Amino acid sequence: VQLQASGGGLVQAGGSLRLSCAASVRTYSMGWFRQVPGKEREFVAAINWSGGVRNYADFVKGRFTISRDNDKNTMYLQMNSLKPEDAAVYYCAARRGSIATKADQRYDYWGQGTQVTVSS
């Protein structure tokens, strides 16, 4: 399984971005994680295969929305009301399991990451 993340860029605080993650094949649960230099990778959001279960980190609830289009084998992360502290490299991940878990060690496949920069 290959994952290709895209959509990152530079945005002003309060602005929006939509990240995409295209998978080479249909996957089960998928998720977004982010990492800044010197810090551990952290969970952002996850979605199960049907899209009926979505989990979010507390710090993005109400601002970010995860979704997927299984016909296109693509997952999205709509990010609104961005804050400078949201700046990071965002990674998409997929796993063979059905649970939209927050645990990064349970994901089997990872994309290359896309940079999000938020100016204040």
Protein backbone atom coordinates (compact mmCIF):
# COMPACT_ATOMS: atom_id res chain seq x y z
CA VAL A 1 0.00 0.00 0.00
CA GLN A 2 1.35 3.38 -0.96
CA LEU A 3 0.04 6.62 0.51
CA GLN A 4 0.53 10.05 -1.01
CA ALA A 5 -0.25 13.06 1.15
CA SER A 6 -0.78 16.50 -0.36
CA GLY A 7 -2.43 19.84 0.28
CA GLY A 8 -0.07 21.39 2.78
CA GLY A 9 1.13 24.94 2.49
CA LEU A 10 1.37 28.34 4.11
CA VAL A 11 -1.76 29.90 5.55
CA GLN A 12 -2.52 32.76 7.90
CA ALA A 13 -3.90 32.09 11.34
CA GLY A 14 -7.65 31.64 11.10
CA GLY A 15 -7.38 30.27 7.59
CA SER A 16 -8.15 26.86 6.15
CA LEU A 17 -6.42 24.04 4.31
CA ARG A 18 -7.58 20.68 3.05
CA LEU A 19 -5.15 17.81 3.11
CA SER A 20 -5.59 14.76 0.92
CA CYS A 21 -4.16 11.28 1.20
CA ALA A 22 -4.42 9.06 -1.85
CA ALA A 23 -3.98 5.33 -1.30
CA SER A 24 -2.86 2.92 -3.98
CA VAL A 25 -5.49 0.40 -2.87
CA ARG A 26 -8.56 0.43 -0.69
CA THR A 27 -7.61 0.38 2.97
CA TYR A 28 -9.43 -0.13 6.22
CA SER A 29 -8.94 2.49 8.89
CA MET A 30 -6.89 5.56 8.15
CA GLY A 31 -5.58 8.43 10.19
CA TRP A 32 -3.71 11.70 10.29
CA PHE A 33 -0.79 12.42 12.57
CA ARG A 34 1.51 15.40 12.85
CA GLN A 35 4.99 16.11 14.05
CA VAL A 36 7.14 19.13 14.73
CA PRO A 37 10.92 18.99 15.07
CA GLY A 38 12.02 17.86 18.49
CA LYS A 39 8.62 16.51 19.47
CA GLU A 40 6.96 13.16 19.21
CA ARG A 41 4.46 12.44 16.50
CA GLU A 42 0.93 13.06 17.73
CA PHE A 43 -2.48 11.82 16.72
CA VAL A 44 -4.80 14.21 14.92
CA ALA A 45 -7.76 12.25 13.57
CA ALA A 46 -8.78 8.80 12.39
CA ILE A 47 -11.62 7.30 10.41
CA ASN A 48 -12.81 3.76 9.91
CA TRP A 49 -13.49 2.15 6.55
CA SER A 50 -17.10 3.21 6.20
CA GLY A 51 -16.54 6.70 7.59
CA GLY A 52 -19.08 6.02 10.28
CA VAL A 53 -16.54 6.25 13.10
CA ARG A 54 -14.30 9.27 13.43
CA ASN A 55 -11.93 10.04 16.27
CA TYR A 56 -10.27 13.37 16.92
CA ALA A 57 -7.61 14.72 19.19
CA ASP A 58 -9.09 17.16 21.68
CA PHE A 59 -7.10 20.05 20.30
CA VAL A 60 -8.73 19.80 16.85
CA LYS A 61 -12.33 19.07 17.77
CA GLY A 62 -14.66 21.54 16.16
CA ARG A 63 -11.97 22.81 13.80
CA PHE A 64 -10.84 19.79 11.75
CA THR A 65 -12.96 17.28 9.89
CA ILE A 66 -11.74 13.93 8.62
CA SER A 67 -13.51 12.23 5.74
CA ARG A 68 -12.89 9.71 3.01
CA ASP A 69 -14.05 8.81 -0.48
CA ASN A 70 -13.66 5.07 -0.94
CA ASP A 71 -14.42 5.29 -4.65
CA LYS A 72 -11.25 7.36 -4.97
CA ASN A 73 -9.28 5.58 -2.22
CA THR A 74 -8.67 9.00 -0.74
CA MET A 75 -8.88 10.44 2.75
CA TYR A 76 -9.18 14.13 3.56
CA LEU A 77 -8.56 16.44 6.47
CA GLN A 78 -10.38 19.74 6.33
CA MET A 79 -8.61 22.13 8.67
CA ASN A 80 -10.37 25.34 9.64
CA SER A 81 -9.52 28.10 12.11
CA LEU A 82 -5.87 27.18 11.92
CA LYS A 83 -3.58 28.32 14.70
CA PRO A 84 0.20 28.79 14.67
CA GLU A 85 0.49 25.77 16.95
CA ASP A 86 -1.06 23.63 14.21
CA ALA A 87 2.07 24.08 12.10
CA ALA A 88 3.72 20.69 11.57
CA VAL A 89 4.41 18.00 9.05
CA TYR A 90 1.18 16.08 8.65
CA TYR A 91 1.35 12.38 7.89
CA CYS A 92 -1.39 10.08 6.72
CA ALA A 93 -1.44 6.47 7.72
CA ALA A 94 -3.47 3.35 7.05
CA ARG A 95 -3.93 0.08 8.84
CA ARG A 96 -5.35 -3.32 8.05
CA GLY A 97 -7.54 -3.28 11.15
CA SER A 98 -11.07 -1.97 11.33
CA ILE A 99 -10.68 0.26 14.36
CA ALA A 100 -9.91 3.94 13.85
CA THR A 101 -7.27 3.91 16.54
CA LYS A 102 -5.27 6.82 17.92
CA ALA A 103 -2.21 4.64 18.44
CA ASP A 104 0.37 5.30 15.75
CA GLN A 105 2.14 1.99 16.37
CA ARG A 106 -0.95 0.18 15.13
CA TYR A 107 -0.77 1.71 11.67
CA ASP A 108 0.89 -0.39 8.98
CA TYR A 109 1.47 2.11 6.19
CA TRP A 110 2.61 5.72 6.17
CA GLY A 111 2.72 8.52 3.64
CA GLN A 112 5.64 10.88 3.19
CA GLY A 113 4.13 13.89 4.99
CA THR A 114 3.03 17.32 3.90
CA GLN A 115 4.15 20.55 5.56
CA VAL A 116 1.60 22.91 7.07
CA THR A 117 2.81 26.36 8.07
CA VAL A 118 0.57 28.83 9.87
CA SER A 119 1.64 32.44 10.16
CA SER A 120 0.44 34.60 13.03
